[in-house]
């Protein structure tokens, strides 16, 4: 579900594109960064392919 908020290069979408308010955008950023640390999301999409 978090992958929807990443660009094709794996960067976090800005709030103007994701449509979230500032508070939810911060929560999303934290969740994505946490998932990356736990190796649930790649830091760079498509790396090693």
PDB file of N, CA and C in Angstrom:
ATOM      1  N   UNK A   1       0.823  -1.192   0.000  1.00  0.00           N
ATOM      2  CA  UNK A   1       0.000   0.000   0.000  1.00  0.00           C
ATOM      3  C   UNK A   1       0.866   1.255   0.000  1.00  0.00           C
ATOM      4  N   UNK A   2       2.022   1.207   0.640  1.00  0.00           N
ATOM      5  CA  UNK A   2       2.893   2.382   0.689  1.00  0.00           C
ATOM      6  C   UNK A   2       3.546   2.658  -0.659  1.00  0.00           C
ATOM      7  N   UNK A   3       3.677   1.630  -1.467  1.00  0.00           N
ATOM      8  CA  UNK A   3       4.292   1.790  -2.780  1.00  0.00           C
ATOM      9  C   UNK A   3       3.543   2.742  -3.691  1.00  0.00           C
ATOM     10  N   UNK A   4       2.268   2.949  -3.417  1.00  0.00           N
ATOM     11  CA  UNK A   4       1.463   3.892  -4.215  1.00  0.00           C
ATOM     12  C   UNK A   4       1.971   5.314  -4.083  1.00  0.00           C
ATOM     13  N   UNK A   5       2.633   5.612  -2.981  1.00  0.00           N
ATOM     14  CA  UNK A   5       3.077   6.972  -2.697  1.00  0.00           C
ATOM     15  C   UNK A   5       4.550   7.185  -3.021  1.00  0.00           C
ATOM     16  N   UNK A   6       5.113   6.305  -3.842  1.00  0.00           N
ATOM     17  CA  UNK A   6       6.495   6.437  -4.286  1.00  0.00           C
ATOM     18  C   UNK A   6       6.520   6.699  -5.786  1.00  0.00           C
ATOM     19  N   UNK A   7       7.519   7.449  -6.242  1.00  0.00           N
ATOM     20  CA  UNK A   7       7.679   7.678  -7.674  1.00  0.00           C
ATOM     21  C   UNK A   7       8.276   6.425  -8.305  1.00  0.00           C
ATOM     22  N   UNK A   8       8.451   6.459  -9.621  1.00  0.00           N
ATOM     23  CA  UNK A   8       9.047   5.314 -10.298  1.00  0.00           C
ATOM     24  C   UNK A   8      10.504   5.112  -9.908  1.00  0.00           C
ATOM     25  N   UNK A   9      11.116   6.126  -9.321  1.00  0.00           N
ATOM     26  CA  UNK A   9      12.498   6.009  -8.843  1.00  0.00           C
ATOM     27  C   UNK A   9      12.593   5.715  -7.359  1.00  0.00           C
ATOM     28  N   UNK A  10      11.448   5.602  -6.689  1.00  0.00           N
ATOM     29  CA  UNK A  10      11.435   5.252  -5.280  1.00  0.00           C
ATOM     30  C   UNK A  10      11.393   6.427  -4.327  1.00  0.00           C
ATOM     31  N   UNK A  11      11.212   7.633  -4.847  1.00  0.00           N
ATOM     32  CA  UNK A  11      11.131   8.811  -3.977  1.00  0.00           C
ATOM     33  C   UNK A  11       9.705   8.989  -3.480  1.00  0.00           C
ATOM     34  N   UNK A  12       9.567   9.629  -2.331  1.00  0.00           N
ATOM     35  CA  UNK A  12       8.246   9.866  -1.744  1.00  0.00           C
ATOM     36  C   UNK A  12       7.557  10.994  -2.509  1.00  0.00           C
ATOM     37  N   UNK A  13       6.297  10.765  -2.884  1.00  0.00           N
ATOM     38  CA  UNK A  13       5.535  11.791  -3.594  1.00  0.00           C
ATOM     39  C   UNK A  13       5.283  12.994  -2.693  1.00  0.00           C
ATOM     40  N   UNK A  14       5.336  14.209  -3.231  1.00  0.00           N
ATOM     41  CA  UNK A  14       4.997  15.384  -2.428  1.00  0.00           C
ATOM     42  C   UNK A  14       3.505  15.424  -2.132  1.00  0.00           C
ATOM     43  N   UNK A  15       3.128  16.182  -1.131  1.00  0.00           N
ATOM     44  CA  UNK A  15       1.726  16.206  -0.700  1.00  0.00           C
ATOM     45  C   UNK A  15       0.805  16.771  -1.773  1.00  0.00           C
ATOM     46  N   UNK A  16       1.298  17.647  -2.631  1.00  0.00           N
ATOM     47  CA  UNK A  16       0.430  18.193  -3.677  1.00  0.00           C
ATOM     48  C   UNK A  16       0.053  17.126  -4.694  1.00  0.00           C
ATOM     49  N   UNK A  17       0.861  16.084  -4.826  1.00  0.00           N
ATOM     50  CA  UNK A  17       0.530  14.982  -5.728  1.00  0.00           C
ATOM     51  C   UNK A  17      -0.187  13.845  -5.008  1.00  0.00           C
ATOM     52  N   UNK A  18       0.164  13.618  -3.748  1.00  0.00           N
ATOM     53  CA  UNK A  18      -0.483  12.533  -3.006  1.00  0.00           C
ATOM     54  C   UNK A  18      -1.848  12.954  -2.480  1.00  0.00           C
ATOM     55  N   UNK A  19      -2.075  14.267  -2.350  1.00  0.00           N
ATOM     56  CA  UNK A  19      -3.367  14.768  -1.902  1.00  0.00           C
ATOM     57  C   UNK A  19      -3.578  14.704  -0.402  1.00  0.00           C
ATOM     58  N   UNK A  20      -2.501  14.577   0.353  1.00  0.00           N
ATOM     59  CA  UNK A  20      -2.619  14.476   1.811  1.00  0.00           C
ATOM     60  C   UNK A  20      -2.367  15.821   2.476  1.00  0.00           C
ATOM     61  N   UNK A  21      -2.957  15.991   3.658  1.00  0.00           N
ATOM     62  CA  UNK A  21      -2.664  17.179   4.447  1.00  0.00           C
ATOM     63  C   UNK A  21      -1.262  17.009   5.051  1.00  0.00           C
ATOM     64  N   UNK A  22      -0.746  18.084   5.618  1.00  0.00           N
ATOM     65  CA  UNK A  22       0.629  18.086   6.124  1.00  0.00           C
ATOM     66  C   UNK A  22       0.846  17.015   7.194  1.00  0.00           C
ATOM     67  N   UNK A  23      -0.123  16.862   8.085  1.00  0.00           N
ATOM     68  CA  UNK A  23       0.028  15.886   9.173  1.00  0.00           C
ATOM     69  C   UNK A  23       0.115  14.461   8.629  1.00  0.00           C
ATOM     70  N   UNK A  24      -0.772  14.119   7.710  1.00  0.00           N
ATOM     71  CA  UNK A  24      -0.765  12.769   7.154  1.00  0.00           C
ATOM     72  C   UNK A  24       0.444  12.538   6.254  1.00  0.00           C
ATOM     73  N   UNK A  25       0.917  13.584   5.593  1.00  0.00           N
ATOM     74  CA  UNK A  25       2.114  13.457   4.769  1.00  0.00           C
ATOM     75  C   UNK A  25       3.322  13.127   5.645  1.00  0.00           C
ATOM     76  N   UNK A  26       3.418  13.763   6.820  1.00  0.00           N
ATOM     77  CA  UNK A  26       4.517  13.451   7.752  1.00  0.00           C
ATOM     78  C   UNK A  26       4.423  12.011   8.229  1.00  0.00           C
ATOM     79  N   UNK A  27       3.209  11.553   8.551  1.00  0.00           N
ATOM     80  CA  UNK A  27       3.023  10.168   8.990  1.00  0.00           C
ATOM     81  C   UNK A  27       3.393   9.196   7.875  1.00  0.00           C
ATOM     82  N   UNK A  28       3.029   9.532   6.645  1.00  0.00           N
ATOM     83  CA  UNK A  28       3.366   8.698   5.495  1.00  0.00           C
ATOM     84  C   UNK A  28       4.878   8.614   5.324  1.00  0.00           C
ATOM     85  N   UNK A  29       5.564   9.759   5.405  1.00  0.00           N
ATOM     86  CA  UNK A  29       7.020   9.779   5.270  1.00  0.00           C
ATOM     87  C   UNK A  29       7.685   8.909   6.322  1.00  0.00           C
ATOM     88  N   UNK A  30       7.228   9.026   7.552  1.00  0.00           N
ATOM     89  CA  UNK A  30       7.776   8.217   8.643  1.00  0.00           C
ATOM     90  C   UNK A  30       7.542   6.737   8.387  1.00  0.00           C
ATOM     91  N   UNK A  31       6.344   6.382   7.930  1.00  0.00           N
ATOM     92  CA  UNK A  31       6.020   4.975   7.670  1.00  0.00           C
ATOM     93  C   UNK A  31       6.875   4.414   6.539  1.00  0.00           C
ATOM     94  N   UNK A  32       7.081   5.193   5.485  1.00  0.00           N
ATOM     95  CA  UNK A  32       7.905   4.735   4.360  1.00  0.00           C
ATOM     96  C   UNK A  32       9.354   4.567   4.796  1.00  0.00           C
ATOM     97  N   UNK A  33       9.871   5.528   5.555  1.00  0.00           N
ATOM     98  CA  UNK A  33      11.259   5.435   6.022  1.00  0.00           C
ATOM     99  C   UNK A  33      11.450   4.245   6.954  1.00  0.00           C
ATOM    100  N   UNK A  34      10.459   3.981   7.798  1.00  0.00           N
ATOM    101  CA  UNK A  34      10.521   2.829   8.702  1.00  0.00           C
ATOM    102  C   UNK A  34      10.496   1.524   7.898  1.00  0.00           C
ATOM    103  N   UNK A  35       9.640   1.458   6.890  1.00  0.00           N
ATOM    104  CA  UNK A  35       9.547   0.259   6.055  1.00  0.00           C
ATOM    105  C   UNK A  35      10.852   0.021   5.299  1.00  0.00           C
ATOM    106  N   UNK A  36      11.511   1.081   4.878  1.00  0.00           N
ATOM    107  CA  UNK A  36      12.806   0.934   4.205  1.00  0.00           C
ATOM    108  C   UNK A  36      13.851   0.366   5.159  1.00  0.00           C
ATOM    109  N   UNK A  37      13.859   0.852   6.391  1.00  0.00           N
ATOM    110  CA  UNK A  37      14.828   0.362   7.373  1.00  0.00           C
ATOM    111  C   UNK A  37      14.601  -1.111   7.692  1.00  0.00           C
ATOM    112  N   UNK A  38      13.348  -1.546   7.667  1.00  0.00           N
ATOM    113  CA  UNK A  38      13.015  -2.939   7.955  1.00  0.00           C
ATOM    114  C   UNK A  38      13.097  -3.820   6.711  1.00  0.00           C
ATOM    115  N   UNK A  39      13.597  -3.263   5.614  1.00  0.00           N
ATOM    116  CA  UNK A  39      13.764  -3.968   4.338  1.00  0.00           C
ATOM    117  C   UNK A  39      12.435  -4.450   3.769  1.00  0.00           C
ATOM    118  N   UNK A  40      11.361  -3.725   4.050  1.00  0.00           N
ATOM    119  CA  UNK A  40      10.060  -4.054   3.468  1.00  0.00           C
ATOM    120  C   UNK A  40       9.827  -3.267   2.181  1.00  0.00           C
ATOM    121  N   UNK A  41      10.550  -2.163   2.026  1.00  0.00           N
ATOM    122  CA  UNK A  41      10.505  -1.352   0.803  1.00  0.00           C
ATOM    123  C   UNK A  41      11.938  -1.097   0.363  1.00  0.00           C
ATOM    124  N   UNK A  42      12.180  -1.064  -0.940  1.00  0.00           N
ATOM    125  CA  UNK A  42      13.535  -0.747  -1.403  1.00  0.00           C
ATOM    126  C   UNK A  42      13.814   0.747  -1.294  1.00  0.00           C
ATOM    127  N   UNK A  43      15.081   1.092  -1.124  1.00  0.00           N
ATOM    128  CA  UNK A  43      15.460   2.502  -1.116  1.00  0.00           C
ATOM    129  C   UNK A  43      15.370   3.056  -2.533  1.00  0.00           C
ATOM    130  N   UNK A  44      15.749   2.219  -3.511  1.00  0.00           N
ATOM    131  CA  UNK A  44      15.685   2.602  -4.923  1.00  0.00           C
ATOM    132  C   UNK A  44      14.860   1.543  -5.639  1.00  0.00           C
ATOM    133  N   UNK A  45      13.766   1.965  -6.264  1.00  0.00           N
ATOM    134  CA  UNK A  45      12.900   1.012  -6.962  1.00  0.00           C
ATOM    135  C   UNK A  45      13.623   0.417  -8.159  1.00  0.00           C
ATOM    136  N   UNK A  46      13.478  -0.881  -8.344  1.00  0.00           N
ATOM    137  CA  UNK A  46      14.063  -1.545  -9.497  1.00  0.00           C
ATOM    138  C   UNK A  46      15.549  -1.805  -9.377  1.00  0.00           C
ATOM    139  N   UNK A  47      16.136  -1.575  -8.201  1.00  0.00           N
ATOM    140  CA  UNK A  47      17.575  -1.779  -8.018  1.00  0.00           C
ATOM    141  C   UNK A  47      17.901  -3.261  -8.131  1.00  0.00           C
ATOM    142  N   UNK A  48      18.909  -3.580  -8.929  1.00  0.00           N
ATOM    143  CA  UNK A  48      19.340  -4.959  -9.074  1.00  0.00           C
ATOM    144  C   UNK A  48      18.563  -5.752 -10.109  1.00  0.00           C
ATOM    145  N   UNK A  49      17.750  -5.060 -10.881  1.00  0.00           N
ATOM    146  CA  UNK A  49      16.999  -5.776 -11.930  1.00  0.00           C
ATOM    147  C   UNK A  49      17.542  -5.461 -13.292  1.00  0.00           C
TER     148      UNK A  49
END
